Amino acid sequence: MTPARPRPVRETVRVTRFVLASASPARLTTLRTAGLDPEVVVSGVDESQIVAESAPELVDALATLKCRAVATDHPDALVLGCDSVLEFDGRVLGKPHEPEIARERWYAMRGNVGVLHTGHCLRLGDDEVVRHAATRVHFAHVSDAEIDAYIASGEPLAVAGAFTIDGLGAAFVTRIEGDHHNVVGVSVPVLREMARDLGVEWTSLWR
């Protein structure tokens, strides 16, 4: 067997600003827990302009769109854009927004499995890395009453796939296969690799 070639070592780059191009409180909390303290700059892009044939292509394209929109005004910063969707039963599911849509989804998802996809785009100056991560999510056999209570809480209406694993929805996820950070909205291990590809030492980003 031919040994794998070592990854090319880039010159270490010093970063003084790290910007998260996302309004997601869950992503911000995840990054802070991992030792980072990003500035938050919401891109405000029109997501409807992106059309893709698959969930991975969609989240990668949306993450890139958000990242580039913010990086334009912050060329000196390391900028991260992310986007997540749930792929379930051949459909790509974003935020339901409406209670009836969330209820319909949960009736279908309970006792079944979906795949949470997150696209990541990390940019520094003119250099950019795009990476996708996927995690299989197993949903519990929740009752109609539990679904009604969960929807009444408002939590599932504004999150991809109508569920969380870092909030009230945690009790309704029985198992995952892959990085649990990815289900929250940003894969920390993937982000570390992306930073390395740009010549940025992960530990240098710790606050």
N, C-alpha and C. Protein backbone atom coordinates (compact mmCIF):
# COMPACT_ATOMS: atom_id res chain seq x y z
N MET A 1 0.84 -1.20 0.00
CA MET A 1 0.00 0.00 0.00
C MET A 1 0.88 1.25 0.00
N THR A 2 0.58 2.17 -0.88
CA THR A 2 1.34 3.40 -0.96
C THR A 2 0.94 4.33 0.18
N PRO A 3 1.92 4.79 0.97
CA PRO A 3 1.57 5.67 2.10
C PRO A 3 0.99 6.98 1.62
N ALA A 4 0.03 7.52 2.41
CA ALA A 4 -0.61 8.78 2.04
C ALA A 4 0.40 9.92 2.10
N ARG A 5 0.27 10.82 1.15
CA ARG A 5 1.16 11.97 1.15
C ARG A 5 0.78 12.93 2.26
N PRO A 6 1.76 13.48 2.95
CA PRO A 6 1.43 14.43 4.02
C PRO A 6 0.81 15.68 3.44
N ARG A 7 -0.08 16.30 4.22
CA ARG A 7 -0.73 17.53 3.80
C ARG A 7 0.32 18.65 3.69
N PRO A 8 0.31 19.40 2.61
CA PRO A 8 1.27 20.50 2.48
C PRO A 8 1.14 21.48 3.65
N VAL A 9 2.27 21.89 4.18
CA VAL A 9 2.27 22.82 5.31
C VAL A 9 2.32 24.25 4.80
N ARG A 10 1.32 25.05 5.15
CA ARG A 10 1.29 26.44 4.73
C ARG A 10 1.94 27.31 5.79
N GLU A 11 2.40 28.46 5.36
CA GLU A 11 2.94 29.41 6.30
C GLU A 11 1.84 29.86 7.26
N THR A 12 2.16 29.88 8.54
CA THR A 12 1.17 30.24 9.55
C THR A 12 0.74 31.70 9.38
N VAL A 13 -0.57 31.89 9.41
CA VAL A 13 -1.14 33.23 9.25
C VAL A 13 -1.70 33.69 10.59
N ARG A 14 -1.42 34.92 10.95
CA ARG A 14 -1.96 35.48 12.18
C ARG A 14 -3.30 36.15 11.91
N VAL A 15 -4.29 35.80 12.70
CA VAL A 15 -5.63 36.36 12.54
C VAL A 15 -5.96 37.20 13.77
N THR A 16 -6.41 38.40 13.54
CA THR A 16 -6.77 39.29 14.65
C THR A 16 -8.28 39.44 14.82
N ARG A 17 -9.05 39.06 13.78
CA ARG A 17 -10.51 39.16 13.86
C ARG A 17 -11.14 37.90 13.28
N PHE A 18 -12.13 37.37 13.98
CA PHE A 18 -12.88 36.22 13.50
C PHE A 18 -14.36 36.62 13.48
N VAL A 19 -14.98 36.52 12.32
CA VAL A 19 -16.36 36.97 12.14
C VAL A 19 -17.26 35.80 11.77
N LEU A 20 -18.38 35.68 12.46
CA LEU A 20 -19.40 34.68 12.15
C LEU A 20 -20.51 35.34 11.35
N ALA A 21 -20.68 34.90 10.10
CA ALA A 21 -21.71 35.48 9.23
C ALA A 21 -23.02 34.72 9.41
N SER A 22 -23.55 34.75 10.61
CA SER A 22 -24.77 34.01 10.92
C SER A 22 -25.44 34.62 12.14
N ALA A 23 -26.77 34.61 12.13
CA ALA A 23 -27.53 35.14 13.26
C ALA A 23 -27.87 34.04 14.26
N SER A 24 -27.41 32.82 14.02
CA SER A 24 -27.79 31.67 14.86
C SER A 24 -27.17 31.74 16.25
N PRO A 25 -27.98 31.85 17.29
CA PRO A 25 -27.45 31.83 18.66
C PRO A 25 -26.76 30.51 18.98
N ALA A 26 -27.28 29.41 18.41
CA ALA A 26 -26.70 28.08 18.68
C ALA A 26 -25.29 27.97 18.12
N ARG A 27 -25.07 28.51 16.92
CA ARG A 27 -23.72 28.48 16.35
C ARG A 27 -22.76 29.33 17.19
N LEU A 28 -23.23 30.49 17.61
CA LEU A 28 -22.39 31.38 18.41
C LEU A 28 -22.02 30.71 19.73
N THR A 29 -22.98 30.08 20.38
CA THR A 29 -22.72 29.40 21.65
C THR A 29 -21.75 28.25 21.47
N THR A 30 -21.91 27.49 20.38
CA THR A 30 -21.01 26.37 20.11
C THR A 30 -19.58 26.85 19.94
N LEU A 31 -19.39 27.92 19.18
CA LEU A 31 -18.05 28.45 18.94
C LEU A 31 -17.45 29.02 20.23
N ARG A 32 -18.26 29.68 21.02
CA ARG A 32 -17.76 30.22 22.29
C ARG A 32 -17.36 29.10 23.24
N THR A 33 -18.14 28.03 23.26
CA THR A 33 -17.81 26.89 24.11
C THR A 33 -16.49 26.25 23.68
N ALA A 34 -16.21 26.32 22.37
CA ALA A 34 -14.98 25.76 21.83
C ALA A 34 -13.78 26.70 22.01
N GLY A 35 -13.99 27.83 22.68
CA GLY A 35 -12.89 28.73 22.99
C GLY A 35 -12.75 29.95 22.10
N LEU A 36 -13.66 30.10 21.13
CA LEU A 36 -13.59 31.24 20.21
C LEU A 36 -14.56 32.34 20.67
N ASP A 37 -14.32 33.55 20.19
CA ASP A 37 -15.20 34.66 20.54
C ASP A 37 -15.44 35.50 19.29
N PRO A 38 -16.23 34.98 18.35
CA PRO A 38 -16.41 35.68 17.08
C PRO A 38 -17.29 36.91 17.17
N GLU A 39 -17.01 37.85 16.29
CA GLU A 39 -17.94 38.95 16.07
C GLU A 39 -19.07 38.40 15.20
N VAL A 40 -20.27 38.88 15.40
CA VAL A 40 -21.40 38.43 14.60
C VAL A 40 -21.80 39.52 13.61
N VAL A 41 -21.78 39.17 12.34
CA VAL A 41 -22.23 40.08 11.29
C VAL A 41 -23.18 39.30 10.39
N VAL A 42 -24.44 39.63 10.43
CA VAL A 42 -25.45 38.90 9.65
C VAL A 42 -25.37 39.33 8.19
N SER A 43 -25.35 38.37 7.30
CA SER A 43 -25.16 38.66 5.87
C SER A 43 -26.35 39.36 5.24
N GLY A 44 -27.57 38.95 5.60
CA GLY A 44 -28.77 39.53 5.02
C GLY A 44 -28.98 39.20 3.55
N VAL A 45 -28.37 38.10 3.08
CA VAL A 45 -28.50 37.74 1.67
C VAL A 45 -29.87 37.13 1.38
N ASP A 46 -30.24 37.16 0.12
CA ASP A 46 -31.49 36.55 -0.34
C ASP A 46 -31.21 35.08 -0.65
N GLU A 47 -31.59 34.19 0.27
CA GLU A 47 -31.29 32.77 0.11
C GLU A 47 -32.08 32.12 -1.02
N SER A 48 -33.17 32.74 -1.44
CA SER A 48 -34.01 32.16 -2.48
C SER A 48 -33.32 32.16 -3.84
N GLN A 49 -32.23 32.91 -3.98
CA GLN A 49 -31.55 32.97 -5.27
C GLN A 49 -30.73 31.71 -5.55
N ILE A 50 -30.55 30.87 -4.54
CA ILE A 50 -29.75 29.66 -4.69
C ILE A 50 -30.65 28.47 -5.02
N VAL A 51 -30.35 27.80 -6.11
CA VAL A 51 -31.06 26.57 -6.50
C VAL A 51 -30.02 25.47 -6.65
N ALA A 52 -30.24 24.34 -6.01
CA ALA A 52 -29.27 23.25 -6.06
C ALA A 52 -30.00 21.92 -6.21
N GLU A 53 -29.28 20.92 -6.71
CA GLU A 53 -29.88 19.61 -6.96
C GLU A 53 -29.83 18.69 -5.75
N SER A 54 -29.02 19.01 -4.75
CA SER A 54 -28.90 18.14 -3.58
C SER A 54 -28.71 18.98 -2.33
N ALA A 55 -28.94 18.35 -1.17
CA ALA A 55 -28.77 19.04 0.10
C ALA A 55 -27.33 19.51 0.31
N PRO A 56 -26.32 18.66 0.05
CA PRO A 56 -24.94 19.14 0.22
C PRO A 56 -24.61 20.34 -0.68
N GLU A 57 -25.05 20.30 -1.92
CA GLU A 57 -24.79 21.41 -2.83
C GLU A 57 -25.49 22.69 -2.35
N LEU A 58 -26.70 22.54 -1.82
CA LEU A 58 -27.46 23.70 -1.35
C LEU A 58 -26.78 24.37 -0.16
N VAL A 59 -26.43 23.58 0.86
CA VAL A 59 -25.85 24.19 2.05
C VAL A 59 -24.46 24.78 1.77
N ASP A 60 -23.70 24.12 0.90
CA ASP A 60 -22.39 24.67 0.54
C ASP A 60 -22.55 26.01 -0.19
N ALA A 61 -23.51 26.07 -1.11
CA ALA A 61 -23.73 27.30 -1.87
C ALA A 61 -24.22 28.43 -0.97
N LEU A 62 -25.13 28.12 -0.05
CA LEU A 62 -25.65 29.15 0.84
C LEU A 62 -24.59 29.63 1.84
N ALA A 63 -23.80 28.71 2.34
CA ALA A 63 -22.72 29.09 3.26
C ALA A 63 -21.73 30.01 2.56
N THR A 64 -21.42 29.69 1.31
CA THR A 64 -20.48 30.49 0.53
C THR A 64 -21.05 31.87 0.25
N LEU A 65 -22.33 31.92 -0.10
CA LEU A 65 -23.00 33.19 -0.38
C LEU A 65 -22.94 34.11 0.85
N LYS A 66 -23.26 33.57 2.01
CA LYS A 66 -23.25 34.35 3.25
C LYS A 66 -21.84 34.82 3.60
N CYS A 67 -20.89 33.90 3.49
CA CYS A 67 -19.51 34.22 3.83
C CYS A 67 -18.96 35.33 2.95
N ARG A 68 -19.14 35.21 1.65
CA ARG A 68 -18.60 36.21 0.72
C ARG A 68 -19.26 37.57 0.91
N ALA A 69 -20.55 37.57 1.21
CA ALA A 69 -21.26 38.84 1.40
C ALA A 69 -20.67 39.62 2.57
N VAL A 70 -20.33 38.93 3.65
CA VAL A 70 -19.77 39.59 4.82
C VAL A 70 -18.29 39.89 4.62
N ALA A 71 -17.56 38.96 3.98
CA ALA A 71 -16.12 39.15 3.78
C ALA A 71 -15.81 40.37 2.92
N THR A 72 -16.73 40.73 2.06
CA THR A 72 -16.53 41.91 1.21
C THR A 72 -16.27 43.17 2.03
N ASP A 73 -16.98 43.30 3.13
CA ASP A 73 -16.83 44.48 3.99
C ASP A 73 -15.84 44.26 5.14
N HIS A 74 -15.32 43.04 5.25
CA HIS A 74 -14.37 42.73 6.32
C HIS A 74 -13.21 41.92 5.75
N PRO A 75 -12.45 42.50 4.83
CA PRO A 75 -11.39 41.78 4.12
C PRO A 75 -10.23 41.35 5.02
N ASP A 76 -10.10 41.97 6.19
CA ASP A 76 -8.99 41.64 7.08
C ASP A 76 -9.33 40.52 8.06
N ALA A 77 -10.59 40.06 8.05
CA ALA A 77 -11.04 39.10 9.05
C ALA A 77 -11.13 37.69 8.49
N LEU A 78 -11.06 36.74 9.39
CA LEU A 78 -11.38 35.35 9.07
C LEU A 78 -12.89 35.23 9.20
N VAL A 79 -13.58 34.94 8.10
CA VAL A 79 -15.04 34.98 8.08
C VAL A 79 -15.61 33.58 7.85
N LEU A 80 -16.57 33.21 8.68
CA LEU A 80 -17.22 31.91 8.57
C LEU A 80 -18.70 32.07 8.22
N GLY A 81 -19.11 31.39 7.14
CA GLY A 81 -20.52 31.32 6.78
C GLY A 81 -20.98 29.88 6.89
N CYS A 82 -22.19 29.66 7.40
CA CYS A 82 -22.73 28.30 7.55
C CYS A 82 -24.20 28.27 7.13
N ASP A 83 -24.63 27.09 6.74
CA ASP A 83 -26.06 26.89 6.49
C ASP A 83 -26.38 25.41 6.72
N SER A 84 -27.57 25.14 7.26
CA SER A 84 -27.96 23.77 7.57
C SER A 84 -29.36 23.45 7.06
N VAL A 85 -29.54 22.20 6.65
CA VAL A 85 -30.87 21.68 6.29
C VAL A 85 -30.94 20.22 6.72
N LEU A 86 -32.15 19.73 6.85
CA LEU A 86 -32.37 18.32 7.14
C LEU A 86 -32.85 17.63 5.87
N GLU A 87 -32.18 16.56 5.50
CA GLU A 87 -32.63 15.75 4.38
C GLU A 87 -33.43 14.58 4.94
N PHE A 88 -34.70 14.51 4.56
CA PHE A 88 -35.57 13.47 5.11
C PHE A 88 -36.52 12.96 4.03
N ASP A 89 -36.52 11.67 3.84
CA ASP A 89 -37.43 11.03 2.89
C ASP A 89 -37.35 11.67 1.50
N GLY A 90 -36.12 11.98 1.08
CA GLY A 90 -35.92 12.54 -0.25
C GLY A 90 -36.20 14.01 -0.37
N ARG A 91 -36.53 14.66 0.74
CA ARG A 91 -36.83 16.10 0.71
C ARG A 91 -35.79 16.88 1.50
N VAL A 92 -35.61 18.13 1.12
CA VAL A 92 -34.70 19.02 1.84
C VAL A 92 -35.55 19.96 2.69
N LEU A 93 -35.36 19.90 4.01
CA LEU A 93 -36.20 20.65 4.92
C LEU A 93 -35.39 21.73 5.65
N GLY A 94 -35.79 22.96 5.48
CA GLY A 94 -35.17 24.07 6.20
C GLY A 94 -36.00 24.41 7.42
N LYS A 95 -36.16 25.68 7.73
CA LYS A 95 -36.95 26.11 8.88
C LYS A 95 -38.44 26.07 8.52
N PRO A 96 -39.27 25.47 9.35
CA PRO A 96 -40.70 25.36 9.01
C PRO A 96 -41.46 26.68 9.16
N HIS A 97 -41.10 27.50 10.12
CA HIS A 97 -41.72 28.79 10.40
C HIS A 97 -43.17 28.67 10.89
N GLU A 98 -43.98 27.86 10.24
CA GLU A 98 -45.39 27.75 10.60
C GLU A 98 -45.64 26.49 11.46
N PRO A 99 -46.48 26.59 12.51
CA PRO A 99 -46.76 25.45 13.38
C PRO A 99 -47.28 24.22 12.65
N GLU A 100 -48.18 24.42 11.69
CA GLU A 100 -48.75 23.26 10.99
C GLU A 100 -47.70 22.53 10.16
N ILE A 101 -46.76 23.29 9.58
CA ILE A 101 -45.69 22.65 8.81
C ILE A 101 -44.79 21.85 9.75
N ALA A 102 -44.46 22.43 10.90
CA ALA A 102 -43.63 21.72 11.87
C ALA A 102 -44.32 20.46 12.37
N ARG A 103 -45.62 20.55 12.61
CA ARG A 103 -46.38 19.39 13.10
C ARG A 103 -46.39 18.28 12.04
N GLU A 104 -46.62 18.64 10.81
CA GLU A 104 -46.62 17.65 9.72
C GLU A 104 -45.27 16.95 9.62
N ARG A 105 -44.20 17.72 9.75
CA ARG A 105 -42.86 17.13 9.67
C ARG A 105 -42.62 16.15 10.81
N TRP A 106 -43.01 16.55 12.01
CA TRP A 106 -42.76 15.67 13.15
C TRP A 106 -43.59 14.40 13.09
N TYR A 107 -44.80 14.47 12.56
CA TYR A 107 -45.59 13.25 12.38
C TYR A 107 -44.84 12.27 11.48
N ALA A 108 -44.15 12.80 10.49
CA ALA A 108 -43.40 11.95 9.56
C ALA A 108 -42.06 11.51 10.13
N MET A 109 -41.38 12.40 10.86
CA MET A 109 -40.02 12.12 11.33
C MET A 109 -39.96 11.18 12.52
N ARG A 110 -40.97 11.17 13.37
CA ARG A 110 -40.88 10.38 14.59
C ARG A 110 -40.68 8.90 14.28
N GLY A 111 -39.72 8.33 14.99
CA GLY A 111 -39.38 6.93 14.76
C GLY A 111 -38.55 6.68 13.53
N ASN A 112 -38.17 7.72 12.82
CA ASN A 112 -37.42 7.58 11.58
C ASN A 112 -36.05 8.26 11.67
N VAL A 113 -35.35 8.29 10.54
CA VAL A 113 -33.98 8.82 10.50
C VAL A 113 -33.86 9.89 9.41
N GLY A 114 -33.17 10.96 9.72
CA GLY A 114 -32.87 12.00 8.73
C GLY A 114 -31.39 12.30 8.75
N VAL A 115 -30.93 13.10 7.80
CA VAL A 115 -29.53 13.49 7.73
C VAL A 115 -29.44 15.01 7.79
N LEU A 116 -28.74 15.50 8.79
CA LEU A 116 -28.55 16.94 8.95
C LEU A 116 -27.28 17.35 8.20
N HIS A 117 -27.43 18.21 7.23
CA HIS A 117 -26.30 18.68 6.42
C HIS A 117 -25.96 20.12 6.81
N THR A 118 -24.68 20.39 6.97
CA THR A 118 -24.22 21.76 7.22
C THR A 118 -23.09 22.10 6.26
N GLY A 119 -23.25 23.21 5.57
CA GLY A 119 -22.19 23.71 4.71
C GLY A 119 -21.39 24.75 5.46
N HIS A 120 -20.07 24.74 5.27
CA HIS A 120 -19.18 25.70 5.93
C HIS A 120 -18.33 26.39 4.87
N CYS A 121 -18.23 27.68 4.93
CA CYS A 121 -17.31 28.44 4.07
C CYS A 121 -16.48 29.34 4.95
N LEU A 122 -15.16 29.17 4.88
CA LEU A 122 -14.24 29.96 5.69
C LEU A 122 -13.33 30.74 4.75
N ARG A 123 -13.27 32.03 4.95
CA ARG A 123 -12.54 32.90 4.02
C ARG A 123 -11.61 33.85 4.76
N LEU A 124 -10.41 34.02 4.22
CA LEU A 124 -9.44 34.96 4.75
C LEU A 124 -8.79 35.66 3.57
N GLY A 125 -9.10 36.94 3.39
CA GLY A 125 -8.59 37.66 2.22
C GLY A 125 -9.15 37.07 0.94
N ASP A 126 -8.26 36.64 0.05
CA ASP A 126 -8.68 36.03 -1.21
C ASP A 126 -8.72 34.51 -1.15
N ASP A 127 -8.36 33.94 -0.01
CA ASP A 127 -8.34 32.48 0.14
C ASP A 127 -9.63 32.00 0.79
N GLU A 128 -10.13 30.88 0.28
CA GLU A 128 -11.43 30.38 0.73
C GLU A 128 -11.43 28.85 0.75
N VAL A 129 -12.07 28.30 1.78
CA VAL A 129 -12.24 26.85 1.89
C VAL A 129 -13.72 26.56 2.13
N VAL A 130 -14.26 25.60 1.40
CA VAL A 130 -15.66 25.20 1.56
C VAL A 130 -15.69 23.72 1.93
N ARG A 131 -16.43 23.39 2.96
CA ARG A 131 -16.49 22.01 3.43
C ARG A 131 -17.90 21.68 3.90
N HIS A 132 -18.30 20.44 3.66
CA HIS A 132 -19.64 19.97 4.01
C HIS A 132 -19.54 18.88 5.07
N ALA A 133 -20.50 18.83 5.97
CA ALA A 133 -20.54 17.78 6.99
C ALA A 133 -21.97 17.25 7.08
N ALA A 134 -22.10 15.95 7.35
CA ALA A 134 -23.42 15.32 7.44
C ALA A 134 -23.48 14.41 8.67
N THR A 135 -24.61 14.46 9.37
CA THR A 135 -24.82 13.65 10.56
C THR A 135 -26.19 12.99 10.49
N ARG A 136 -26.23 11.67 10.68
CA ARG A 136 -27.51 10.95 10.70
C ARG A 136 -28.17 11.12 12.06
N VAL A 137 -29.45 11.45 12.03
CA VAL A 137 -30.20 11.73 13.25
C VAL A 137 -31.36 10.75 13.38
N HIS A 138 -31.43 10.06 14.52
CA HIS A 138 -32.51 9.11 14.78
C HIS A 138 -33.51 9.76 15.73
N PHE A 139 -34.76 9.84 15.29
CA PHE A 139 -35.79 10.51 16.07
C PHE A 139 -36.60 9.52 16.91
N ALA A 140 -37.00 9.94 18.10
CA ALA A 140 -37.77 9.10 19.00
C ALA A 140 -39.21 8.94 18.52
N HIS A 141 -39.88 7.92 19.06
CA HIS A 141 -41.30 7.71 18.77
C HIS A 141 -42.12 8.61 19.70
N VAL A 142 -42.09 9.89 19.42
CA VAL A 142 -42.79 10.84 20.28
C VAL A 142 -44.29 10.79 20.04
N SER A 143 -45.05 11.14 21.08
CA SER A 143 -46.51 11.10 20.99
C SER A 143 -47.04 12.38 20.36
N ASP A 144 -48.33 12.36 19.99
CA ASP A 144 -48.97 13.56 19.45
C ASP A 144 -48.93 14.69 20.48
N ALA A 145 -49.13 14.34 21.76
CA ALA A 145 -49.14 15.36 22.81
C ALA A 145 -47.76 15.99 22.96
N GLU A 146 -46.71 15.18 22.84
CA GLU A 146 -45.35 15.72 22.94
C GLU A 146 -45.04 16.64 21.76
N ILE A 147 -45.50 16.26 20.58
CA ILE A 147 -45.30 17.10 19.40
C ILE A 147 -46.02 18.44 19.58
N ASP A 148 -47.27 18.38 20.07
CA ASP A 148 -48.03 19.61 20.27
C ASP A 148 -47.34 20.53 21.28
N ALA A 149 -46.84 19.94 22.36
CA ALA A 149 -46.16 20.74 23.39
C ALA A 149 -44.87 21.35 22.84
N TYR A 150 -44.16 20.57 22.05
CA TYR A 150 -42.90 21.06 21.49
C TYR A 150 -43.15 22.22 20.53
N ILE A 151 -44.16 22.09 19.70
CA ILE A 151 -44.49 23.16 18.76
C ILE A 151 -44.97 24.40 19.50
N ALA A 152 -45.74 24.20 20.56
CA ALA A 152 -46.23 25.33 21.35
C ALA A 152 -45.09 26.11 22.00
N SER A 153 -43.96 25.45 22.22
CA SER A 153 -42.80 26.13 22.81
C SER A 153 -42.20 27.14 21.84
N GLY A 154 -42.44 26.95 20.54
CA GLY A 154 -41.90 27.83 19.52
C GLY A 154 -40.53 27.46 19.03
N GLU A 155 -39.84 26.58 19.76
CA GLU A 155 -38.45 26.25 19.41
C GLU A 155 -38.28 25.66 18.00
N PRO A 156 -39.11 24.71 17.59
CA PRO A 156 -38.86 24.06 16.29
C PRO A 156 -39.18 24.92 15.07
N LEU A 157 -39.83 26.05 15.26
CA LEU A 157 -40.28 26.84 14.11
C LEU A 157 -39.15 27.54 13.37
N ALA A 158 -38.07 27.86 14.09
CA ALA A 158 -37.01 28.67 13.48
C ALA A 158 -35.68 27.94 13.36
N VAL A 159 -35.74 26.60 13.33
CA VAL A 159 -34.50 25.83 13.20
C VAL A 159 -34.65 24.81 12.06
N ALA A 160 -33.54 24.52 11.40
CA ALA A 160 -33.55 23.59 10.28
C ALA A 160 -34.05 22.22 10.72
N GLY A 161 -35.02 21.68 9.98
CA GLY A 161 -35.54 20.36 10.29
C GLY A 161 -36.55 20.33 11.41
N ALA A 162 -36.84 21.48 12.03
CA ALA A 162 -37.83 21.59 13.10
C ALA A 162 -37.42 20.87 14.38
N PHE A 163 -36.11 20.82 14.67
CA PHE A 163 -35.66 20.19 15.91
C PHE A 163 -34.30 20.74 16.32
N THR A 164 -33.97 20.54 17.59
CA THR A 164 -32.64 20.87 18.10
C THR A 164 -32.14 19.68 18.92
N ILE A 165 -30.82 19.64 19.16
CA ILE A 165 -30.30 18.68 20.14
C ILE A 165 -29.64 19.42 21.30
N ASP A 166 -29.73 20.73 21.30
CA ASP A 166 -29.14 21.52 22.37
C ASP A 166 -30.21 22.33 23.09
N GLY A 167 -31.45 21.87 22.98
CA GLY A 167 -32.56 22.57 23.61
C GLY A 167 -33.65 21.59 24.01
N LEU A 168 -34.89 22.01 23.92
CA LEU A 168 -36.01 21.16 24.30
C LEU A 168 -36.10 19.90 23.45
N GLY A 169 -35.65 20.00 22.20
CA GLY A 169 -35.73 18.85 21.29
C GLY A 169 -34.75 17.74 21.58
N ALA A 170 -33.82 17.96 22.51
CA ALA A 170 -32.80 16.95 22.81
C ALA A 170 -33.41 15.62 23.24
N ALA A 171 -34.51 15.68 23.96
CA ALA A 171 -35.15 14.45 24.46
C ALA A 171 -35.80 13.65 23.34
N PHE A 172 -35.98 14.27 22.18
CA PHE A 172 -36.66 13.60 21.07
C PHE A 172 -35.69 13.04 20.04
N VAL A 173 -34.40 13.09 20.33
CA VAL A 173 -33.37 12.50 19.45
C VAL A 173 -32.73 11.36 20.22
N THR A 174 -32.88 10.15 19.73
CA THR A 174 -32.39 8.98 20.46
C THR A 174 -30.94 8.66 20.17
N ARG A 175 -30.47 9.03 18.97
CA ARG A 175 -29.09 8.68 18.61
C ARG A 175 -28.67 9.49 17.40
N ILE A 176 -27.36 9.76 17.30
CA ILE A 176 -26.83 10.38 16.09
C ILE A 176 -25.62 9.60 15.62
N GLU A 177 -25.31 9.71 14.35
CA GLU A 177 -24.12 9.09 13.77
C GLU A 177 -23.33 10.19 13.10
N GLY A 178 -22.25 10.62 13.77
CA GLY A 178 -21.46 11.73 13.27
C GLY A 178 -21.25 12.78 14.34
N ASP A 179 -20.80 13.94 13.92
CA ASP A 179 -20.48 15.03 14.84
C ASP A 179 -21.74 15.71 15.35
N HIS A 180 -21.92 15.72 16.68
CA HIS A 180 -23.13 16.35 17.22
C HIS A 180 -23.10 17.87 17.06
N HIS A 181 -21.89 18.47 17.02
CA HIS A 181 -21.81 19.91 16.79
C HIS A 181 -22.45 20.27 15.44
N ASN A 182 -22.30 19.38 14.48
CA ASN A 182 -22.83 19.64 13.15
C ASN A 182 -24.35 19.79 13.19
N VAL A 183 -25.00 19.03 14.07
CA VAL A 183 -26.46 19.11 14.18
C VAL A 183 -26.87 20.45 14.78
N VAL A 184 -26.01 21.01 15.62
CA VAL A 184 -26.28 22.33 16.19
C VAL A 184 -26.13 23.42 15.13
N GLY A 185 -25.26 23.16 14.13
CA GLY A 185 -25.14 24.12 13.03
C GLY A 185 -23.74 24.47 12.59
N VAL A 186 -22.72 23.94 13.30
CA VAL A 186 -21.33 24.17 12.87
C VAL A 186 -20.48 23.03 13.42
N SER A 187 -19.77 22.35 12.54
CA SER A 187 -18.91 21.25 12.94
C SER A 187 -17.56 21.81 13.36
N VAL A 188 -17.27 21.76 14.64
CA VAL A 188 -16.02 22.32 15.16
C VAL A 188 -14.80 21.57 14.62
N PRO A 189 -14.80 20.23 14.56
CA PRO A 189 -13.66 19.52 13.98
C PRO A 189 -13.42 19.89 12.51
N VAL A 190 -14.49 20.04 11.75
CA VAL A 190 -14.35 20.43 10.35
C VAL A 190 -13.79 21.85 10.25
N LEU A 191 -14.28 22.72 11.11
CA LEU A 191 -13.80 24.11 11.10
C LEU A 191 -12.31 24.17 11.42
N ARG A 192 -11.85 23.34 12.33
CA ARG A 192 -10.43 23.31 12.66
C ARG A 192 -9.60 22.94 11.44
N GLU A 193 -10.06 21.93 10.70
CA GLU A 193 -9.34 21.51 9.49
C GLU A 193 -9.33 22.61 8.44
N MET A 194 -10.44 23.30 8.32
CA MET A 194 -10.53 24.39 7.34
C MET A 194 -9.57 25.52 7.69
N ALA A 195 -9.51 25.85 8.98
CA ALA A 195 -8.59 26.90 9.42
C ALA A 195 -7.15 26.50 9.10
N ARG A 196 -6.83 25.25 9.33
CA ARG A 196 -5.47 24.76 9.04
C ARG A 196 -5.17 24.87 7.55
N ASP A 197 -6.17 24.59 6.72
CA ASP A 197 -5.97 24.71 5.27
C ASP A 197 -5.67 26.15 4.85
N LEU A 198 -6.12 27.11 5.65
CA LEU A 198 -5.85 28.52 5.36
C LEU A 198 -4.59 29.01 6.06
N GLY A 199 -3.91 28.10 6.76
CA GLY A 199 -2.68 28.48 7.44
C GLY A 199 -2.89 29.07 8.81
N VAL A 200 -4.11 28.87 9.37
CA VAL A 200 -4.44 29.45 10.67
C VAL A 200 -4.41 28.35 11.74
N GLU A 201 -3.59 28.54 12.78
CA GLU A 201 -3.55 27.59 13.88
C GLU A 201 -4.82 27.72 14.71
N TRP A 202 -5.51 26.61 14.92
CA TRP A 202 -6.76 26.61 15.65
C TRP A 202 -6.61 27.22 17.04
N THR A 203 -5.54 26.82 17.74
CA THR A 203 -5.38 27.31 19.10
C THR A 203 -5.10 28.81 19.17
N SER A 204 -4.66 29.39 18.06
CA SER A 204 -4.42 30.84 18.04
C SER A 204 -5.74 31.61 18.04
N LEU A 205 -6.84 30.92 17.74
CA LEU A 205 -8.16 31.55 17.72
C LEU A 205 -8.82 31.54 19.09
N TRP A 206 -8.24 30.76 20.01
CA TRP A 206 -8.82 30.74 21.35
C TRP A 206 -8.72 32.12 21.98
N ARG A 207 -9.77 32.53 22.63
CA ARG A 207 -9.77 33.87 23.24
C ARG A 207 -8.87 33.90 24.48
